[in-house]
Amino acid sequence: MQKRQLSLIGACVAAALAIVLLAVLMIPGRGVHYVSAATLQRHFFLHNGWYYDGRDWAFVQGGHKVTGVRQINGVTYRFERDGKQVLPYKISYQYQLSTEQGTNQPSAPKYIILHDVGSWADGQ
């Protein structure tokens, strides 16, 4: 009898923990989910919200990446068919070196190389 009560209590505790775990997993994402590029390629996600893999952004709603034109928190965004955000700017992941410094190389992941753009006040 005592073994049966212990196994019943254990089953109840396990079920309660499973319910709590599922409830926590279904809480909508509030921040950015930083993930790998492979993770961003998935078709189903547990958490809603923004996902970023160091290069591309996606927004997940209802477990799936959104596509097309969407308004999120009052801001209009465009997403490709694969769910990646169409950015309003282009990023070059190559950086230029002078001949004394070496050759052109790709920048390290998660860094953007900024270049001076424009001219001096005297027009040069």
PDB file of N, CA and C in Angstrom:
ATOM      1  N   MET A   1       0.816  -1.193   0.000  1.00  0.00           N
ATOM      2  CA  MET A   1       0.000   0.000   0.000  1.00  0.00           C
ATOM      3  C   MET A   1       0.862   1.261   0.000  1.00  0.00           C
ATOM      4  N   GLN A   2       1.927   1.245   0.793  1.00  0.00           N
ATOM      5  CA  GLN A   2       2.780   2.429   0.903  1.00  0.00           C
ATOM      6  C   GLN A   2       3.510   2.701  -0.417  1.00  0.00           C
ATOM      7  N   LYS A   3       3.930   1.642  -1.115  1.00  0.00           N
ATOM      8  CA  LYS A   3       4.594   1.806  -2.406  1.00  0.00           C
ATOM      9  C   LYS A   3       3.637   2.432  -3.416  1.00  0.00           C
ATOM     10  N   ARG A   4       2.404   1.989  -3.371  1.00  0.00           N
ATOM     11  CA  ARG A   4       1.404   2.509  -4.295  1.00  0.00           C
ATOM     12  C   ARG A   4       1.154   3.994  -4.048  1.00  0.00           C
ATOM     13  N   GLN A   5       1.106   4.419  -2.788  1.00  0.00           N
ATOM     14  CA  GLN A   5       0.900   5.827  -2.453  1.00  0.00           C
ATOM     15  C   GLN A   5       2.088   6.668  -2.908  1.00  0.00           C
ATOM     16  N   LEU A   6       3.290   6.127  -2.689  1.00  0.00           N
ATOM     17  CA  LEU A   6       4.491   6.864  -3.113  1.00  0.00           C
ATOM     18  C   LEU A   6       4.536   7.024  -4.634  1.00  0.00           C
ATOM     19  N   SER A   7       4.174   5.970  -5.370  1.00  0.00           N
ATOM     20  CA  SER A   7       4.201   6.085  -6.827  1.00  0.00           C
ATOM     21  C   SER A   7       3.116   7.048  -7.320  1.00  0.00           C
ATOM     22  N   LEU A   8       1.966   7.079  -6.648  1.00  0.00           N
ATOM     23  CA  LEU A   8       0.903   8.018  -7.005  1.00  0.00           C
ATOM     24  C   LEU A   8       1.336   9.454  -6.729  1.00  0.00           C
ATOM     25  N   ILE A   9       1.987   9.676  -5.601  1.00  0.00           N
ATOM     26  CA  ILE A   9       2.505  11.016  -5.266  1.00  0.00           C
ATOM     27  C   ILE A   9       3.565  11.434  -6.276  1.00  0.00           C
ATOM     28  N   GLY A  10       4.453  10.507  -6.632  1.00  0.00           N
ATOM     29  CA  GLY A  10       5.497  10.793  -7.626  1.00  0.00           C
ATOM     30  C   GLY A  10       4.903  11.158  -8.967  1.00  0.00           C
ATOM     31  N   ALA A  11       3.856  10.452  -9.385  1.00  0.00           N
ATOM     32  CA  ALA A  11       3.210  10.739 -10.662  1.00  0.00           C
ATOM     33  C   ALA A  11       2.550  12.122 -10.632  1.00  0.00           C
ATOM     34  N   CYS A  12       1.919  12.459  -9.488  1.00  0.00           N
ATOM     35  CA  CYS A  12       1.292  13.784  -9.353  1.00  0.00           C
ATOM     36  C   CYS A  12       2.325  14.894  -9.413  1.00  0.00           C
ATOM     37  N   VAL A  13       3.460  14.704  -8.740  1.00  0.00           N
ATOM     38  CA  VAL A  13       4.531  15.708  -8.749  1.00  0.00           C
ATOM     39  C   VAL A  13       5.086  15.871 -10.164  1.00  0.00           C
ATOM     40  N   ALA A  14       5.299  14.759 -10.864  1.00  0.00           N
ATOM     41  CA  ALA A  14       5.820  14.813 -12.229  1.00  0.00           C
ATOM     42  C   ALA A  14       4.840  15.537 -13.157  1.00  0.00           C
ATOM     43  N   ALA A  15       3.552  15.267 -13.015  1.00  0.00           N
ATOM     44  CA  ALA A  15       2.544  15.931 -13.839  1.00  0.00           C
ATOM     45  C   ALA A  15       2.505  17.430 -13.550  1.00  0.00           C
ATOM     46  N   ALA A  16       2.590  17.799 -12.267  1.00  0.00           N
ATOM     47  CA  ALA A  16       2.586  19.222 -11.903  1.00  0.00           C
ATOM     48  C   ALA A  16       3.803  19.933 -12.480  1.00  0.00           C
ATOM     49  N   LEU A  17       4.969  19.300 -12.409  1.00  0.00           N
ATOM     50  CA  LEU A  17       6.184  19.904 -12.975  1.00  0.00           C
ATOM     51  C   LEU A  17       6.063  20.057 -14.485  1.00  0.00           C
ATOM     52  N   ALA A  18       5.471  19.077 -15.152  1.00  0.00           N
ATOM     53  CA  ALA A  18       5.289  19.159 -16.601  1.00  0.00           C
ATOM     54  C   ALA A  18       4.364  20.316 -16.962  1.00  0.00           C
ATOM     55  N   ILE A  19       3.307  20.510 -16.200  1.00  0.00           N
ATOM     56  CA  ILE A  19       2.374  21.615 -16.458  1.00  0.00           C
ATOM     57  C   ILE A  19       3.070  22.959 -16.264  1.00  0.00           C
ATOM     58  N   VAL A  20       3.852  23.080 -15.195  1.00  0.00           N
ATOM     59  CA  VAL A  20       4.577  24.330 -14.936  1.00  0.00           C
ATOM     60  C   VAL A  20       5.582  24.597 -16.062  1.00  0.00           C
ATOM     61  N   LEU A  21       6.299  23.567 -16.497  1.00  0.00           N
ATOM     62  CA  LEU A  21       7.275  23.728 -17.573  1.00  0.00           C
ATOM     63  C   LEU A  21       6.595  24.190 -18.864  1.00  0.00           C
ATOM     64  N   LEU A  22       5.480  23.577 -19.214  1.00  0.00           N
ATOM     65  CA  LEU A  22       4.754  24.001 -20.412  1.00  0.00           C
ATOM     66  C   LEU A  22       4.254  25.436 -20.299  1.00  0.00           C
ATOM     67  N   ALA A  23       3.781  25.804 -19.129  1.00  0.00           N
ATOM     68  CA  ALA A  23       3.299  27.177 -18.922  1.00  0.00           C
ATOM     69  C   ALA A  23       4.429  28.178 -19.105  1.00  0.00           C
ATOM     70  N   VAL A  24       5.610  27.860 -18.594  1.00  0.00           N
ATOM     71  CA  VAL A  24       6.766  28.759 -18.712  1.00  0.00           C
ATOM     72  C   VAL A  24       7.198  28.868 -20.168  1.00  0.00           C
ATOM     73  N   LEU A  25       7.182  27.753 -20.901  1.00  0.00           N
ATOM     74  CA  LEU A  25       7.601  27.779 -22.298  1.00  0.00           C
ATOM     75  C   LEU A  25       6.648  28.585 -23.173  1.00  0.00           C
ATOM     76  N   MET A  26       5.401  28.703 -22.794  1.00  0.00           N
ATOM     77  CA  MET A  26       4.419  29.411 -23.603  1.00  0.00           C
ATOM     78  C   MET A  26       4.321  30.895 -23.283  1.00  0.00           C
ATOM     79  N   ILE A  27       5.091  31.385 -22.323  1.00  0.00           N
ATOM     80  CA  ILE A  27       5.089  32.818 -22.021  1.00  0.00           C
ATOM     81  C   ILE A  27       5.664  33.558 -23.221  1.00  0.00           C
ATOM     82  N   PRO A  28       4.998  34.575 -23.732  1.00  0.00           N
ATOM     83  CA  PRO A  28       5.507  35.302 -24.898  1.00  0.00           C
ATOM     84  C   PRO A  28       6.875  35.912 -24.618  1.00  0.00           C
ATOM     85  N   GLY A  29       7.743  35.886 -25.649  1.00  0.00           N
ATOM     86  CA  GLY A  29       9.067  36.468 -25.497  1.00  0.00           C
ATOM     87  C   GLY A  29       9.006  37.974 -25.374  1.00  0.00           C
ATOM     88  N   ARG A  30       9.707  38.528 -24.447  1.00  0.00           N
ATOM     89  CA  ARG A  30       9.716  39.979 -24.231  1.00  0.00           C
ATOM     90  C   ARG A  30      10.973  40.614 -24.815  1.00  0.00           C
ATOM     91  N   GLY A  31      12.063  39.867 -24.891  1.00  0.00           N
ATOM     92  CA  GLY A  31      13.315  40.418 -25.376  1.00  0.00           C
ATOM     93  C   GLY A  31      13.713  39.777 -26.690  1.00  0.00           C
ATOM     94  N   VAL A  32      14.961  39.934 -27.042  1.00  0.00           N
ATOM     95  CA  VAL A  32      15.500  39.338 -28.259  1.00  0.00           C
ATOM     96  C   VAL A  32      16.053  37.968 -27.910  1.00  0.00           C
ATOM     97  N   HIS A  33      15.741  36.992 -28.742  1.00  0.00           N
ATOM     98  CA  HIS A  33      16.294  35.648 -28.586  1.00  0.00           C
ATOM     99  C   HIS A  33      17.525  35.566 -29.489  1.00  0.00           C
ATOM    100  N   TYR A  34      18.699  35.475 -28.907  1.00  0.00           N
ATOM    101  CA  TYR A  34      19.939  35.370 -29.674  1.00  0.00           C
ATOM    102  C   TYR A  34      20.173  33.895 -29.969  1.00  0.00           C
ATOM    103  N   VAL A  35      20.199  33.537 -31.253  1.00  0.00           N
ATOM    104  CA  VAL A  35      20.273  32.141 -31.656  1.00  0.00           C
ATOM    105  C   VAL A  35      21.333  31.949 -32.731  1.00  0.00           C
ATOM    106  N   SER A  36      21.599  30.694 -33.065  1.00  0.00           N
ATOM    107  CA  SER A  36      22.538  30.390 -34.148  1.00  0.00           C
ATOM    108  C   SER A  36      21.813  30.522 -35.485  1.00  0.00           C
ATOM    109  N   ALA A  37      22.592  30.582 -36.568  1.00  0.00           N
ATOM    110  CA  ALA A  37      21.999  30.680 -37.902  1.00  0.00           C
ATOM    111  C   ALA A  37      21.145  29.450 -38.196  1.00  0.00           C
ATOM    112  N   ALA A  38      21.574  28.279 -37.733  1.00  0.00           N
ATOM    113  CA  ALA A  38      20.804  27.049 -37.944  1.00  0.00           C
ATOM    114  C   ALA A  38      19.461  27.120 -37.228  1.00  0.00           C
ATOM    115  N   THR A  39      19.449  27.681 -36.036  1.00  0.00           N
ATOM    116  CA  THR A  39      18.193  27.802 -35.290  1.00  0.00           C
ATOM    117  C   THR A  39      17.236  28.737 -36.012  1.00  0.00           C
ATOM    118  N   LEU A  40      17.758  29.807 -36.589  1.00  0.00           N
ATOM    119  CA  LEU A  40      16.895  30.771 -37.283  1.00  0.00           C
ATOM    120  C   LEU A  40      16.264  30.155 -38.534  1.00  0.00           C
ATOM    121  N   GLN A  41      16.836  29.081 -39.057  1.00  0.00           N
ATOM    122  CA  GLN A  41      16.295  28.411 -40.241  1.00  0.00           C
ATOM    123  C   GLN A  41      15.103  27.509 -39.913  1.00  0.00           C
ATOM    124  N   ARG A  42      14.869  27.243 -38.643  1.00  0.00           N
ATOM    125  CA  ARG A  42      13.770  26.357 -38.259  1.00  0.00           C
ATOM    126  C   ARG A  42      12.423  26.921 -38.695  1.00  0.00           C
ATOM    127  N   HIS A  43      11.420  26.035 -38.677  1.00  0.00           N
ATOM    128  CA  HIS A  43      10.068  26.445 -39.079  1.00  0.00           C
ATOM    129  C   HIS A  43       9.124  26.595 -37.899  1.00  0.00           C
ATOM    130  N   PHE A  44       9.520  26.100 -36.722  1.00  0.00           N
ATOM    131  CA  PHE A  44       8.666  26.227 -35.547  1.00  0.00           C
ATOM    132  C   PHE A  44       9.502  26.674 -34.357  1.00  0.00           C
ATOM    133  N   PHE A  45       8.970  27.606 -33.560  1.00  0.00           N
ATOM    134  CA  PHE A  45       9.671  28.165 -32.405  1.00  0.00           C
ATOM    135  C   PHE A  45       8.751  28.102 -31.186  1.00  0.00           C
ATOM    136  N   LEU A  46       9.333  27.883 -30.012  1.00  0.00           N
ATOM    137  CA  LEU A  46       8.544  27.816 -28.782  1.00  0.00           C
ATOM    138  C   LEU A  46       8.119  29.185 -28.283  1.00  0.00           C
ATOM    139  N   HIS A  47       8.957  30.192 -28.512  1.00  0.00           N
ATOM    140  CA  HIS A  47       8.689  31.522 -27.951  1.00  0.00           C
ATOM    141  C   HIS A  47       8.384  32.516 -29.061  1.00  0.00           C
ATOM    142  N   ASN A  48       7.469  33.423 -28.794  1.00  0.00           N
ATOM    143  CA  ASN A  48       7.191  34.522 -29.708  1.00  0.00           C
ATOM    144  C   ASN A  48       8.217  35.627 -29.494  1.00  0.00           C
ATOM    145  N   GLY A  49       8.345  36.510 -30.460  1.00  0.00           N
ATOM    146  CA  GLY A  49       9.222  37.668 -30.315  1.00  0.00           C
ATOM    147  C   GLY A  49      10.302  37.699 -31.383  1.00  0.00           C
ATOM    148  N   TRP A  50      11.270  38.583 -31.173  1.00  0.00           N
ATOM    149  CA  TRP A  50      12.371  38.787 -32.120  1.00  0.00           C
ATOM    150  C   TRP A  50      13.450  37.732 -31.929  1.00  0.00           C
ATOM    151  N   TYR A  51      13.994  37.260 -33.055  1.00  0.00           N
ATOM    152  CA  TYR A  51      15.122  36.325 -33.064  1.00  0.00           C
ATOM    153  C   TYR A  51      16.235  36.955 -33.899  1.00  0.00           C
ATOM    154  N   TYR A  52      17.479  36.799 -33.433  1.00  0.00           N
ATOM    155  CA  TYR A  52      18.629  37.377 -34.130  1.00  0.00           C
ATOM    156  C   TYR A  52      19.767  36.376 -34.099  1.00  0.00           C
ATOM    157  N   ASP A  53      20.367  36.114 -35.258  1.00  0.00           N
ATOM    158  CA  ASP A  53      21.456  35.139 -35.334  1.00  0.00           C
ATOM    159  C   ASP A  53      22.825  35.779 -35.552  1.00  0.00           C
ATOM    160  N   GLY A  54      22.929  37.079 -35.337  1.00  0.00           N
ATOM    161  CA  GLY A  54      24.194  37.768 -35.558  1.00  0.00           C
ATOM    162  C   GLY A  54      24.273  38.407 -36.936  1.00  0.00           C
ATOM    163  N   ARG A  55      23.331  38.057 -37.799  1.00  0.00           N
ATOM    164  CA  ARG A  55      23.313  38.608 -39.141  1.00  0.00           C
ATOM    165  C   ARG A  55      21.893  38.940 -39.602  1.00  0.00           C
ATOM    166  N   ASP A  56      20.953  38.078 -39.291  1.00  0.00           N
ATOM    167  CA  ASP A  56      19.572  38.251 -39.748  1.00  0.00           C
ATOM    168  C   ASP A  56      18.606  38.322 -38.575  1.00  0.00           C
ATOM    169  N   TRP A  57      17.480  39.031 -38.805  1.00  0.00           N
ATOM    170  CA  TRP A  57      16.415  39.166 -37.821  1.00  0.00           C
ATOM    171  C   TRP A  57      15.176  38.450 -38.321  1.00  0.00           C
ATOM    172  N   ALA A  58      14.390  37.921 -37.392  1.00  0.00           N
ATOM    173  CA  ALA A  58      13.085  37.343 -37.705  1.00  0.00           C
ATOM    174  C   ALA A  58      12.162  37.631 -36.533  1.00  0.00           C
ATOM    175  N   PHE A  59      10.861  37.702 -36.815  1.00  0.00           N
ATOM    176  CA  PHE A  59       9.879  37.883 -35.754  1.00  0.00           C
ATOM    177  C   PHE A  59       8.952  36.679 -35.764  1.00  0.00           C
ATOM    178  N   VAL A  60       8.791  36.073 -34.589  1.00  0.00           N
ATOM    179  CA  VAL A  60       7.979  34.865 -34.463  1.00  0.00           C
ATOM    180  C   VAL A  60       6.678  35.207 -33.750  1.00  0.00           C
ATOM    181  N   GLN A  61       5.585  34.725 -34.342  1.00  0.00           N
ATOM    182  CA  GLN A  61       4.264  34.924 -33.757  1.00  0.00           C
ATOM    183  C   GLN A  61       3.502  33.611 -33.921  1.00  0.00           C
ATOM    184  N   GLY A  62       2.960  33.102 -32.831  1.00  0.00           N
ATOM    185  CA  GLY A  62       2.234  31.841 -32.897  1.00  0.00           C
ATOM    186  C   GLY A  62       3.120  30.666 -33.251  1.00  0.00           C
ATOM    187  N   GLY A  63       4.405  30.758 -32.925  1.00  0.00           N
ATOM    188  CA  GLY A  63       5.335  29.657 -33.184  1.00  0.00           C
ATOM    189  C   GLY A  63       5.985  29.663 -34.546  1.00  0.00           C
ATOM    190  N   HIS A  64       5.579  30.609 -35.435  1.00  0.00           N
ATOM    191  CA  HIS A  64       6.122  30.645 -36.794  1.00  0.00           C
ATOM    192  C   HIS A  64       6.640  32.037 -37.137  1.00  0.00           C
ATOM    193  N   LYS A  65       7.657  32.072 -38.019  1.00  0.00           N
ATOM    194  CA  LYS A  65       8.186  33.360 -38.477  1.00  0.00           C
ATOM    195  C   LYS A  65       7.140  34.053 -39.346  1.00  0.00           C
ATOM    196  N   VAL A  66       6.974  35.351 -39.130  1.00  0.00           N
ATOM    197  CA  VAL A  66       6.029  36.111 -39.942  1.00  0.00           C
ATOM    198  C   VAL A  66       6.662  36.419 -41.291  1.00  0.00           C
ATOM    199  N   THR A  67       5.826  36.674 -42.294  1.00  0.00           N
ATOM    200  CA  THR A  67       6.308  37.038 -43.629  1.00  0.00           C
ATOM    201  C   THR A  67       5.486  38.221 -44.132  1.00  0.00           C
ATOM    202  N   GLY A  68       5.971  38.840 -45.195  1.00  0.00           N
ATOM    203  CA  GLY A  68       5.250  39.968 -45.786  1.00  0.00           C
ATOM    204  C   GLY A  68       5.428  41.232 -44.968  1.00  0.00           C
ATOM    205  N   VAL A  69       4.482  42.142 -45.090  1.00  0.00           N
ATOM    206  CA  VAL A  69       4.522  43.416 -44.365  1.00  0.00           C
ATOM    207  C   VAL A  69       3.726  43.251 -43.083  1.00  0.00           C
ATOM    208  N   ARG A  70       4.341  43.559 -41.960  1.00  0.00           N
ATOM    209  CA  ARG A  70       3.685  43.417 -40.658  1.00  0.00           C
ATOM    210  C   ARG A  70       3.909  44.659 -39.825  1.00  0.00           C
ATOM    211  N   GLN A  71       2.914  44.994 -39.022  1.00  0.00           N
ATOM    212  CA  GLN A  71       3.065  46.071 -38.059  1.00  0.00           C
ATOM    213  C   GLN A  71       3.256  45.445 -36.689  1.00  0.00           C
ATOM    214  N   ILE A  72       4.379  45.791 -36.049  1.00  0.00           N
ATOM    215  CA  ILE A  72       4.723  45.247 -34.735  1.00  0.00           C
ATOM    216  C   ILE A  72       4.958  46.424 -33.806  1.00  0.00           C
ATOM    217  N   ASN A  73       4.163  46.512 -32.763  1.00  0.00           N
ATOM    218  CA  ASN A  73       4.257  47.626 -31.807  1.00  0.00           C
ATOM    219  C   ASN A  73       4.204  48.985 -32.511  1.00  0.00           C
ATOM    220  N   GLY A  74       3.349  49.089 -33.531  1.00  0.00           N
ATOM    221  CA  GLY A  74       3.165  50.362 -34.224  1.00  0.00           C
ATOM    222  C   GLY A  74       4.203  50.682 -35.276  1.00  0.00           C
ATOM    223  N   VAL A  75       5.150  49.786 -35.532  1.00  0.00           N
ATOM    224  CA  VAL A  75       6.200  50.006 -36.528  1.00  0.00           C
ATOM    225  C   VAL A  75       6.002  49.001 -37.659  1.00  0.00           C
ATOM    226  N   THR A  76       6.097  49.458 -38.911  1.00  0.00           N
ATOM    227  CA  THR A  76       5.928  48.585 -40.069  1.00  0.00           C
ATOM    228  C   THR A  76       7.263  47.962 -40.455  1.00  0.00           C
ATOM    229  N   TYR A  77       7.264  46.639 -40.615  1.00  0.00           N
ATOM    230  CA  TYR A  77       8.450  45.886 -41.015  1.00  0.00           C
ATOM    231  C   TYR A  77       8.102  45.045 -42.234  1.00  0.00           C
ATOM    232  N   ARG A  78       9.123  44.739 -43.052  1.00  0.00           N
ATOM    233  CA  ARG A  78       8.949  43.828 -44.183  1.00  0.00           C
ATOM    234  C   ARG A  78       9.782  42.581 -43.934  1.00  0.00           C
ATOM    235  N   PHE A  79       9.193  41.420 -44.250  1.00  0.00           N
ATOM    236  CA  PHE A  79       9.867  40.142 -44.063  1.00  0.00           C
ATOM    237  C   PHE A  79       9.825  39.355 -45.368  1.00  0.00           C
ATOM    238  N   GLU A  80      10.921  38.648 -45.650  1.00  0.00           N
ATOM    239  CA  GLU A  80      10.990  37.816 -46.847  1.00  0.00           C
ATOM    240  C   GLU A  80      10.145  36.561 -46.657  1.00  0.00           C
ATOM    241  N   ARG A  81      10.043  35.749 -47.706  1.00  0.00           N
ATOM    242  CA  ARG A  81       9.247  34.512 -47.639  1.00  0.00           C
ATOM    243  C   ARG A  81       9.801  33.523 -46.619  1.00  0.00           C
ATOM    244  N   ASP A  82      11.118  33.582 -46.380  1.00  0.00           N
ATOM    245  CA  ASP A  82      11.711  32.676 -45.384  1.00  0.00           C
ATOM    246  C   ASP A  82      11.631  33.234 -43.960  1.00  0.00           C
ATOM    247  N   GLY A  83      11.010  34.400 -43.811  1.00  0.00           N
ATOM    248  CA  GLY A  83      10.814  34.984 -42.489  1.00  0.00           C
ATOM    249  C   GLY A  83      11.885  35.953 -42.043  1.00  0.00           C
ATOM    250  N   LYS A  84      12.944  36.121 -42.821  1.00  0.00           N
ATOM    251  CA  LYS A  84      14.000  37.064 -42.439  1.00  0.00           C
ATOM    252  C   LYS A  84      13.549  38.487 -42.739  1.00  0.00           C
ATOM    253  N   GLN A  85      13.899  39.405 -41.844  1.00  0.00           N
ATOM    254  CA  GLN A  85      13.513  40.802 -42.020  1.00  0.00           C
ATOM    255  C   GLN A  85      14.286  41.425 -43.164  1.00  0.00           C
ATOM    256  N   VAL A  86      13.586  42.215 -43.975  1.00  0.00           N
ATOM    257  CA  VAL A  86      14.227  43.008 -45.018  1.00  0.00           C
ATOM    258  C   VAL A  86      14.668  44.299 -44.346  1.00  0.00           C
ATOM    259  N   LEU A  87      15.965  44.486 -44.235  1.00  0.00           N
ATOM    260  CA  LEU A  87      16.497  45.662 -43.544  1.00  0.00           C
ATOM    261  C   LEU A  87      16.480  46.879 -44.469  1.00  0.00           C
ATOM    262  N   PRO A  88      16.271  48.063 -43.907  1.00  0.00           N
ATOM    263  CA  PRO A  88      16.241  49.272 -44.728  1.00  0.00           C
ATOM    264  C   PRO A  88      17.640  49.785 -45.073  1.00  0.00           C
ATOM    265  N   TYR A  89      18.641  48.963 -44.871  1.00  0.00           N
ATOM    266  CA  TYR A  89      20.022  49.333 -45.173  1.00  0.00           C
ATOM    267  C   TYR A  89      20.778  48.067 -45.528  1.00  0.00           C
ATOM    268  N   LYS A  90      21.945  48.241 -46.142  1.00  0.00           N
ATOM    269  CA  LYS A  90      22.788  47.111 -46.519  1.00  0.00           C
ATOM    270  C   LYS A  90      24.026  47.098 -45.634  1.00  0.00           C
ATOM    271  N   ILE A  91      24.459  45.922 -45.275  1.00  0.00           N
ATOM    272  CA  ILE A  91      25.672  45.769 -44.462  1.00  0.00           C
ATOM    273  C   ILE A  91      26.705  45.037 -45.289  1.00  0.00           C
ATOM    274  N   SER A  92      27.900  45.609 -45.390  1.00  0.00           N
ATOM    275  CA  SER A  92      29.004  44.930 -46.046  1.00  0.00           C
ATOM    276  C   SER A  92      29.797  44.182 -44.986  1.00  0.00           C
ATOM    277  N   TYR A  93      29.931  42.888 -45.185  1.00  0.00           N
ATOM    278  CA  TYR A  93      30.692  42.088 -44.233  1.00  0.00           C
ATOM    279  C   TYR A  93      32.146  41.930 -44.671  1.00  0.00           C
ATOM    280  N   GLN A  94      32.561  42.716 -45.677  1.00  0.00           N
ATOM    281  CA  GLN A  94      33.957  42.765 -46.097  1.00  0.00           C
ATOM    282  C   GLN A  94      34.531  44.099 -45.644  1.00  0.00           C
ATOM    283  N   TYR A  95      35.789  44.124 -45.300  1.00  0.00           N
ATOM    284  CA  TYR A  95      36.406  45.409 -45.011  1.00  0.00           C
ATOM    285  C   TYR A  95      37.653  45.574 -45.854  1.00  0.00           C
ATOM    286  N   GLN A  96      37.914  46.819 -46.211  1.00  0.00           N
ATOM    287  CA  GLN A  96      39.007  47.147 -47.116  1.00  0.00           C
ATOM    288  C   GLN A  96      40.272  47.469 -46.327  1.00  0.00           C
ATOM    289  N   LEU A  97      41.373  46.914 -46.755  1.00  0.00           N
ATOM    290  CA  LEU A  97      42.677  47.234 -46.167  1.00  0.00           C
ATOM    291  C   LEU A  97      43.543  47.848 -47.246  1.00  0.00           C
ATOM    292  N   SER A  98      44.402  48.776 -46.857  1.00  0.00           N
ATOM    293  CA  SER A  98      45.351  49.326 -47.822  1.00  0.00           C
ATOM    294  C   SER A  98      46.384  48.251 -48.130  1.00  0.00           C
ATOM    295  N   THR A  99      47.166  48.450 -49.194  1.00  0.00           N
ATOM    296  CA  THR A  99      48.129  47.429 -49.616  1.00  0.00           C
ATOM    297  C   THR A  99      49.162  47.130 -48.536  1.00  0.00           C
ATOM    298  N   GLU A 100      49.463  48.130 -47.694  1.00  0.00           N
ATOM    299  CA  GLU A 100      50.440  47.891 -46.623  1.00  0.00           C
ATOM    300  C   GLU A 100      49.857  47.026 -45.502  1.00  0.00           C
ATOM    301  N   GLN A 101      48.531  47.000 -45.416  1.00  0.00           N
ATOM    302  CA  GLN A 101      47.882  46.312 -44.306  1.00  0.00           C
ATOM    303  C   GLN A 101      47.510  44.865 -44.626  1.00  0.00           C
ATOM    304  N   GLY A 102      47.503  44.475 -45.881  1.00  0.00           N
ATOM    305  CA  GLY A 102      47.123  43.106 -46.229  1.00  0.00           C
ATOM    306  C   GLY A 102      46.059  43.095 -47.307  1.00  0.00           C
ATOM    307  N   THR A 103      45.183  42.109 -47.262  1.00  0.00           N
ATOM    308  CA  THR A 103      44.148  41.952 -48.280  1.00  0.00           C
ATOM    309  C   THR A 103      42.766  42.130 -47.664  1.00  0.00           C
ATOM    310  N   ASN A 104      41.769  42.193 -48.528  1.00  0.00           N
ATOM    311  CA  ASN A 104      40.386  42.274 -48.035  1.00  0.00           C
ATOM    312  C   ASN A 104      40.038  40.986 -47.306  1.00  0.00           C
ATOM    313  N   GLN A 105      39.372  41.106 -46.207  1.00  0.00           N
ATOM    314  CA  GLN A 105      38.993  39.929 -45.423  1.00  0.00           C
ATOM    315  C   GLN A 105      37.575  40.101 -44.928  1.00  0.00           C
ATOM    316  N   PRO A 106      36.879  38.977 -44.682  1.00  0.00           N
ATOM    317  CA  PRO A 106      35.555  39.121 -44.071  1.00  0.00           C
ATOM    318  C   PRO A 106      35.703  39.566 -42.624  1.00  0.00           C
ATOM    319  N   SER A 107      34.769  40.357 -42.164  1.00  0.00           N
ATOM    320  CA  SER A 107      34.828  40.800 -40.771  1.00  0.00           C
ATOM    321  C   SER A 107      34.448  39.644 -39.856  1.00  0.00           C
ATOM    322  N   ALA A 108      34.859  39.741 -38.621  1.00  0.00           N
ATOM    323  CA  ALA A 108      34.527  38.710 -37.634  1.00  0.00           C
ATOM    324  C   ALA A 108      33.023  38.688 -37.413  1.00  0.00           C
ATOM    325  N   PRO A 109      32.450  37.520 -37.143  1.00  0.00           N
ATOM    326  CA  PRO A 109      31.003  37.476 -36.893  1.00  0.00           C
ATOM    327  C   PRO A 109      30.610  38.404 -35.746  1.00  0.00           C
ATOM    328  N   LYS A 110      29.421  38.970 -35.855  1.00  0.00           N
ATOM    329  CA  LYS A 110      28.831  39.835 -34.845  1.00  0.00           C
ATOM    330  C   LYS A 110      29.493  41.205 -34.743  1.00  0.00           C
ATOM    331  N   TYR A 111      30.312  41.566 -35.732  1.00  0.00           N
ATOM    332  CA  TYR A 111      30.905  42.898 -35.757  1.00  0.00           C
ATOM    333  C   TYR A 111      30.608  43.540 -37.102  1.00  0.00           C
ATOM    334  N   ILE A 112      30.382  44.820 -37.105  1.00  0.00           N
ATOM    335  CA  ILE A 112      30.206  45.565 -38.337  1.00  0.00           C
ATOM    336  C   ILE A 112      31.360  46.553 -38.418  1.00  0.00           C
ATOM    337  N   ILE A 113      32.062  46.545 -39.529  1.00  0.00           N
ATOM    338  CA  ILE A 113      33.186  47.452 -39.716  1.00  0.00           C
ATOM    339  C   ILE A 113      32.645  48.759 -40.273  1.00  0.00           C
ATOM    340  N   LEU A 114      32.878  49.854 -39.576  1.00  0.00           N
ATOM    341  CA  LEU A 114      32.409  51.162 -40.015  1.00  0.00           C
ATOM    342  C   LEU A 114      33.544  51.902 -40.712  1.00  0.00           C
ATOM    343  N   HIS A 115      33.225  52.578 -41.781  1.00  0.00           N
ATOM    344  CA  HIS A 115      34.208  53.343 -42.545  1.00  0.00           C
ATOM    345  C   HIS A 115      33.868  54.819 -42.447  1.00  0.00           C
ATOM    346  N   ASP A 116      34.895  55.666 -42.566  1.00  0.00           N
ATOM    347  CA  ASP A 116      34.647  57.105 -42.648  1.00  0.00           C
ATOM    348  C   ASP A 116      33.994  57.411 -43.989  1.00  0.00           C
ATOM    349  N   VAL A 117      32.950  58.195 -43.944  1.00  0.00           N
ATOM    350  CA  VAL A 117      32.237  58.576 -45.165  1.00  0.00           C
ATOM    351  C   VAL A 117      32.066  60.089 -45.140  1.00  0.00           C
ATOM    352  N   GLY A 118      32.190  60.717 -46.290  1.00  0.00           N
ATOM    353  CA  GLY A 118      31.978  62.160 -46.352  1.00  0.00           C
ATOM    354  C   GLY A 118      33.276  62.892 -46.684  1.00  0.00           C
ATOM    355  N   SER A 119      33.314  64.158 -46.343  1.00  0.00           N
ATOM    356  CA  SER A 119      34.501  64.961 -46.658  1.00  0.00           C
ATOM    357  C   SER A 119      34.753  65.936 -45.509  1.00  0.00           C
ATOM    358  N   TRP A 120      35.939  66.516 -45.540  1.00  0.00           N
ATOM    359  CA  TRP A 120      36.309  67.521 -44.552  1.00  0.00           C
ATOM    360  C   TRP A 120      35.509  68.796 -44.779  1.00  0.00           C
ATOM    361  N   ALA A 121      35.528  69.679 -43.842  1.00  0.00           N
ATOM    362  CA  ALA A 121      34.783  70.934 -43.943  1.00  0.00           C
ATOM    363  C   ALA A 121      35.262  71.782 -45.123  1.00  0.00           C
ATOM    364  N   ASP A 122      36.526  71.591 -45.525  1.00  0.00           N
ATOM    365  CA  ASP A 122      37.045  72.365 -46.654  1.00  0.00           C
ATOM    366  C   ASP A 122      36.718  71.728 -48.001  1.00  0.00           C
ATOM    367  N   GLY A 123      35.866  70.651 -47.997  1.00  0.00           N
ATOM    368  CA  GLY A 123      35.427  70.054 -49.256  1.00  0.00           C
ATOM    369  C   GLY A 123      36.281  68.932 -49.752  1.00  0.00           C
ATOM    370  N   GLN A 124      37.343  68.569 -49.053  1.00  0.00           N
ATOM    371  CA  GLN A 124      38.215  67.483 -49.517  1.00  0.00           C
ATOM    372  C   GLN A 124      37.809  66.158 -48.934  1.00  0.00           C
TER     373      GLN A 124
END
